[in-house]
Each structure stands twice: as structure tokens, then as C-alpha cells.
Amino acid sequence: QVRLVESGGGLVQAGGSLRLSCAASGRSLSMDSMGWFRQAPGKARELLAGISANGASTYYYVDSVKGRFAISRDNAKNTVYLQMNSLKPEDTAVYYCNKLQLALTWGQGTQVTVSS
């Protein structure tokens, strides 16, 4: 069974940066496109960014994160990253990673709180 574990969240002031990690265990995800999602209180989970299996292509699905967030991966470590810069209070949410197709069981996510 594949397990996804997100980490790296925390409390940060507006304008600050965080780097999130998503480590997979159980099998390699090097053949899968992966994505980062977030869910703010009272809102639906949304897809923020995606990355191809080999990391050559990245995609950003939410206009507000374009230019501020960057997705990357290290297949040797079976880990996907999300670098978040210029954070805003509206980025406050629980952040998750998952496959872009045939999603796995969701991990516990990592809380990001941005104070103004």
C-alpha cells in the first residue's frame, strides 16, 4: 500500500516562504504525474500544481499561485516538493499531494498558516 506523508508546513508571516515535501512509501511513484492540492477551511480541495513523471513538465492550475509556487520532484527520493514564496494569508490551508490520475489514499496533509 502506498502511503503519502506531507511535511514542511507551519506558521509564517505574509511574504515569507515555505518548502513542502511529500514523501511516498510502499512503491515508487516515478512513473506517475503528481500534484499538490490544498483545502482551506470551508472550501473544497483544489489542485494547485502538477508535475510530469520525469519532472520535465510542470503545470499551475490556480492563477494566484503562478509565479510564487514551484513544484519539483526527486524520483530517487520518491519525494515531491512545493516551494512557496511570497506567501499570503489566503494561502492558509492544509496542503496535500497525490497522483494526478487514479488518486491514492490521501495523506494527513500539512497545515500552512500565513499571518498578516
C-alpha atoms as a PDB file:
ATOM      1  CA  GLN A   1       0.000   0.000   0.000  1.00  0.00           C
ATOM      2  CA  VAL A   2       1.365   3.383  -0.961  1.00  0.00           C
ATOM      3  CA  ARG A   3       1.491   5.967   1.786  1.00  0.00           C
ATOM      4  CA  LEU A   4       1.867   9.702   1.232  1.00  0.00           C
ATOM      5  CA  VAL A   5       3.323  11.834   4.006  1.00  0.00           C
ATOM      6  CA  GLU A   6       3.326  15.601   3.662  1.00  0.00           C
ATOM      7  CA  SER A   7       5.544  17.819   5.794  1.00  0.00           C
ATOM      8  CA  GLY A   8       7.090  21.257   5.942  1.00  0.00           C
ATOM      9  CA  GLY A   9       4.076  23.339   6.818  1.00  0.00           C
ATOM     10  CA  GLY A  10       3.919  25.811   9.641  1.00  0.00           C
ATOM     11  CA  LEU A  11       3.119  29.347  10.683  1.00  0.00           C
ATOM     12  CA  VAL A  12       4.737  32.047   8.600  1.00  0.00           C
ATOM     13  CA  GLN A  13       4.247  35.773   8.165  1.00  0.00           C
ATOM     14  CA  ALA A  14       2.923  37.185   4.936  1.00  0.00           C
ATOM     15  CA  GLY A  15       5.726  37.475   2.424  1.00  0.00           C
ATOM     16  CA  GLY A  16       7.553  34.509   3.843  1.00  0.00           C
ATOM     17  CA  SER A  17       8.440  31.178   2.262  1.00  0.00           C
ATOM     18  CA  LEU A  18       7.961  27.508   2.985  1.00  0.00           C
ATOM     19  CA  ARG A  19       9.056  24.342   1.246  1.00  0.00           C
ATOM     20  CA  LEU A  20       6.663  21.446   1.474  1.00  0.00           C
ATOM     21  CA  SER A  21       7.688  17.847   0.972  1.00  0.00           C
ATOM     22  CA  CYS A  22       5.635  14.806   0.076  1.00  0.00           C
ATOM     23  CA  ALA A  23       7.354  11.506   0.671  1.00  0.00           C
ATOM     24  CA  ALA A  24       5.854   8.334  -0.726  1.00  0.00           C
ATOM     25  CA  SER A  25       6.460   4.891   0.676  1.00  0.00           C
ATOM     26  CA  GLY A  26       5.294   1.482  -0.447  1.00  0.00           C
ATOM     27  CA  ARG A  27       6.187   1.767  -4.097  1.00  0.00           C
ATOM     28  CA  SER A  28       7.905   4.100  -6.484  1.00  0.00           C
ATOM     29  CA  LEU A  29       5.856   6.932  -7.941  1.00  0.00           C
ATOM     30  CA  SER A  30       8.489   7.762 -10.542  1.00  0.00           C
ATOM     31  CA  MET A  31       6.127   6.759 -13.360  1.00  0.00           C
ATOM     32  CA  ASP A  32       3.255   8.923 -12.118  1.00  0.00           C
ATOM     33  CA  SER A  33       2.360  12.534 -12.618  1.00  0.00           C
ATOM     34  CA  MET A  34       1.959  14.130  -9.224  1.00  0.00           C
ATOM     35  CA  GLY A  35       0.205  17.175  -7.913  1.00  0.00           C
ATOM     36  CA  TRP A  36      -0.121  19.434  -4.926  1.00  0.00           C
ATOM     37  CA  PHE A  37      -3.562  20.298  -3.638  1.00  0.00           C
ATOM     38  CA  ARG A  38      -4.860  22.431  -0.823  1.00  0.00           C
ATOM     39  CA  GLN A  39      -8.030  22.733   1.186  1.00  0.00           C
ATOM     40  CA  ALA A  40      -8.899  25.889   3.038  1.00  0.00           C
ATOM     41  CA  PRO A  41     -11.471  25.889   5.835  1.00  0.00           C
ATOM     42  CA  GLY A  42     -14.972  25.597   4.443  1.00  0.00           C
ATOM     43  CA  LYS A  43     -13.750  25.172   0.886  1.00  0.00           C
ATOM     44  CA  ALA A  44     -13.289  22.268  -1.465  1.00  0.00           C
ATOM     45  CA  ARG A  45      -9.900  20.775  -2.099  1.00  0.00           C
ATOM     46  CA  GLU A  46      -8.276  22.374  -5.136  1.00  0.00           C
ATOM     47  CA  LEU A  47      -5.470  21.307  -7.419  1.00  0.00           C
ATOM     48  CA  LEU A  48      -2.637  23.828  -7.399  1.00  0.00           C
ATOM     49  CA  ALA A  49       0.202  22.371  -9.415  1.00  0.00           C
ATOM     50  CA  GLY A  50       1.219  19.258 -11.275  1.00  0.00           C
ATOM     51  CA  ILE A  51       4.449  17.723 -12.468  1.00  0.00           C
ATOM     52  CA  SER A  52       5.099  15.044 -15.047  1.00  0.00           C
ATOM     53  CA  ALA A  53       6.646  11.713 -14.124  1.00  0.00           C
ATOM     54  CA  ASN A  54      10.141  12.719 -15.198  1.00  0.00           C
ATOM     55  CA  GLY A  55       9.821  16.241 -13.835  1.00  0.00           C
ATOM     56  CA  ALA A  56      10.312  17.871 -17.223  1.00  0.00           C
ATOM     57  CA  SER A  57       6.883  19.499 -17.304  1.00  0.00           C
ATOM     58  CA  THR A  58       5.121  21.483 -14.623  1.00  0.00           C
ATOM     59  CA  TYR A  59       1.647  22.921 -14.582  1.00  0.00           C
ATOM     60  CA  TYR A  60      -0.059  25.506 -12.397  1.00  0.00           C
ATOM     61  CA  TYR A  61      -3.817  25.469 -12.179  1.00  0.00           C
ATOM     62  CA  VAL A  62      -4.554  28.388  -9.871  1.00  0.00           C
ATOM     63  CA  ASP A  63      -3.707  31.857 -11.113  1.00  0.00           C
ATOM     64  CA  SER A  64      -2.954  33.179  -7.661  1.00  0.00           C
ATOM     65  CA  VAL A  65      -0.002  30.810  -7.169  1.00  0.00           C
ATOM     66  CA  LYS A  66       1.603  31.241 -10.570  1.00  0.00           C
ATOM     67  CA  GLY A  67       4.977  32.854 -10.182  1.00  0.00           C
ATOM     68  CA  ARG A  68       5.004  32.267  -6.432  1.00  0.00           C
ATOM     69  CA  PHE A  69       4.856  28.462  -6.101  1.00  0.00           C
ATOM     70  CA  ALA A  70       7.117  25.934  -7.777  1.00  0.00           C
ATOM     71  CA  ILE A  71       6.608  22.184  -7.888  1.00  0.00           C
ATOM     72  CA  SER A  72       9.532  19.812  -8.270  1.00  0.00           C
ATOM     73  CA  ARG A  73      10.385  16.192  -7.590  1.00  0.00           C
ATOM     74  CA  ASP A  74      13.268  13.886  -6.780  1.00  0.00           C
ATOM     75  CA  ASN A  75      12.400  10.426  -8.044  1.00  0.00           C
ATOM     76  CA  ALA A  76      15.457   8.930  -6.384  1.00  0.00           C
ATOM     77  CA  LYS A  77      13.954  10.007  -3.049  1.00  0.00           C
ATOM     78  CA  ASN A  78      10.366   9.289  -4.122  1.00  0.00           C
ATOM     79  CA  THR A  79       9.537  12.808  -2.992  1.00  0.00           C
ATOM     80  CA  VAL A  80       7.664  15.750  -4.459  1.00  0.00           C
ATOM     81  CA  TYR A  81       8.219  19.320  -3.306  1.00  0.00           C
ATOM     82  CA  LEU A  82       6.332  22.584  -3.352  1.00  0.00           C
ATOM     83  CA  GLN A  83       8.354  25.750  -2.883  1.00  0.00           C
ATOM     84  CA  MET A  84       6.062  28.547  -1.792  1.00  0.00           C
ATOM     85  CA  ASN A  85       7.277  32.139  -1.851  1.00  0.00           C
ATOM     86  CA  SER A  86       5.623  35.478  -1.164  1.00  0.00           C
ATOM     87  CA  LEU A  87       3.003  33.742   0.922  1.00  0.00           C
ATOM     88  CA  LYS A  88      -0.309  35.484   1.522  1.00  0.00           C
ATOM     89  CA  PRO A  89      -2.938  34.983   4.234  1.00  0.00           C
ATOM     90  CA  GLU A  90      -5.230  33.474   1.606  1.00  0.00           C
ATOM     91  CA  ASP A  91      -2.716  30.654   1.139  1.00  0.00           C
ATOM     92  CA  THR A  92      -3.692  29.378   4.574  1.00  0.00           C
ATOM     93  CA  ALA A  93      -4.879  25.802   4.110  1.00  0.00           C
ATOM     94  CA  VAL A  94      -3.986  22.169   4.560  1.00  0.00           C
ATOM     95  CA  TYR A  95      -1.735  21.087   1.709  1.00  0.00           C
ATOM     96  CA  TYR A  96      -1.753  17.596   0.213  1.00  0.00           C
ATOM     97  CA  CYS A  97      -0.044  15.755  -2.574  1.00  0.00           C
ATOM     98  CA  ASN A  98      -1.364  12.931  -4.700  1.00  0.00           C
ATOM     99  CA  LYS A  99      -1.210  11.358  -8.117  1.00  0.00           C
ATOM    100  CA  LEU A 100      -2.932  13.338 -10.842  1.00  0.00           C
ATOM    101  CA  GLN A 101      -4.662  10.217 -12.143  1.00  0.00           C
ATOM    102  CA  LEU A 102      -6.166   7.425 -10.045  1.00  0.00           C
ATOM    103  CA  ALA A 103      -5.568   9.179  -6.768  1.00  0.00           C
ATOM    104  CA  LEU A 104      -4.134   7.261  -3.863  1.00  0.00           C
ATOM    105  CA  THR A 105      -5.449   7.368  -0.330  1.00  0.00           C
ATOM    106  CA  TRP A 106      -4.918  10.918   0.873  1.00  0.00           C
ATOM    107  CA  GLY A 107      -2.268  11.613   3.452  1.00  0.00           C
ATOM    108  CA  GLN A 108      -2.832  13.708   6.533  1.00  0.00           C
ATOM    109  CA  GLY A 109      -1.654  16.860   4.807  1.00  0.00           C
ATOM    110  CA  THR A 110       0.449  19.624   6.257  1.00  0.00           C
ATOM    111  CA  GLN A 111      -1.028  22.805   7.699  1.00  0.00           C
ATOM    112  CA  VAL A 112       0.163  26.123   6.322  1.00  0.00           C
ATOM    113  CA  THR A 113      -0.901  29.234   8.187  1.00  0.00           C
ATOM    114  CA  VAL A 114       0.054  32.653   6.890  1.00  0.00           C
ATOM    115  CA  SER A 115      -0.396  35.571   9.240  1.00  0.00           C
ATOM    116  CA  SER A 116      -0.936  39.118   8.039  1.00  0.00           C
END
